[in-house]
Protein backbone atom coordinates (compact mmCIF):
# COMPACT_ATOMS: atom_id res chain seq x y z
CA MET A 1 0.20 0.14 -0.21
CA ARG A 2 2.92 2.15 0.72
CA ILE A 3 4.95 1.45 -2.37
CA ASN A 4 1.54 2.43 -4.69
CA TYR A 5 1.47 6.08 -2.98
CA LEU A 6 4.75 6.49 -3.58
CA ALA A 7 4.59 5.04 -7.12
CA GLN A 8 1.15 7.85 -7.91
CA ASP A 9 3.53 10.50 -5.40
CA LEU A 10 6.38 10.13 -8.28
CA TRP A 11 4.55 9.72 -11.60
CA CYS A 12 2.27 13.33 -10.50
CA LEU A 13 5.94 15.13 -9.62
CA MET A 14 7.25 13.75 -12.60
CA LEU A 15 3.88 15.15 -14.88
CA VAL A 16 4.18 17.95 -13.09
CA LEU A 17 8.02 19.06 -13.47
CA GLY A 18 7.05 18.00 -17.66
CA SER A 19 3.87 19.68 -18.01
CA SER A 20 5.69 23.12 -15.41
CA TYR A 21 8.91 22.96 -18.48
CA ALA A 22 6.72 23.14 -21.18
CA VAL A 23 5.05 25.95 -19.68
CA TYR A 24 7.94 27.92 -18.76
CA GLN A 25 9.45 27.36 -22.49
CA PHE A 26 6.15 29.06 -23.97
CA CYS A 27 6.62 32.33 -21.80
CA ARG A 28 9.81 32.26 -22.13
CA TYR A 29 10.34 34.26 -25.37
CA ARG A 30 7.95 36.94 -23.89
CA SER A 31 9.78 37.50 -19.85
CA GLU A 32 12.50 34.48 -18.71
CA ARG A 33 10.88 36.18 -15.34
CA LEU A 34 7.08 35.24 -16.49
CA GLY A 35 8.08 32.04 -17.34
CA LEU A 36 9.82 31.28 -14.43
CA VAL A 37 7.16 32.03 -11.97
CA VAL A 38 4.16 30.90 -14.20
CA CYS A 39 6.28 27.78 -13.41
CA LEU A 40 6.60 28.07 -9.97
CA LEU A 41 2.96 28.47 -9.38
CA ILE A 42 1.80 25.78 -11.43
CA ALA A 43 3.76 23.60 -9.62
CA ALA A 44 3.35 24.52 -6.24
CA ALA A 45 -0.71 24.28 -6.61
CA ALA A 46 -0.17 20.94 -8.15
CA MET A 47 1.92 19.59 -5.43
CA ALA A 48 -0.67 21.17 -2.59
CA TRP A 49 -4.26 19.55 -5.51
CA HIS A 50 -2.83 16.68 -4.99
CA ARG A 51 -2.04 16.59 -0.92
CA LEU A 52 -5.46 17.35 0.17
């Protein structure tokens, strides 16, 4: 049971990091700071949502 939770957490982390990096790459052309801020906000929100 505990390994299942760890696998789910790892999978969620990989998805969040991948999607955040994609958003960062998209926003980077407009403003690198904006891309970084949006990336961090998405990652923080997704991990907080996952813990609920």
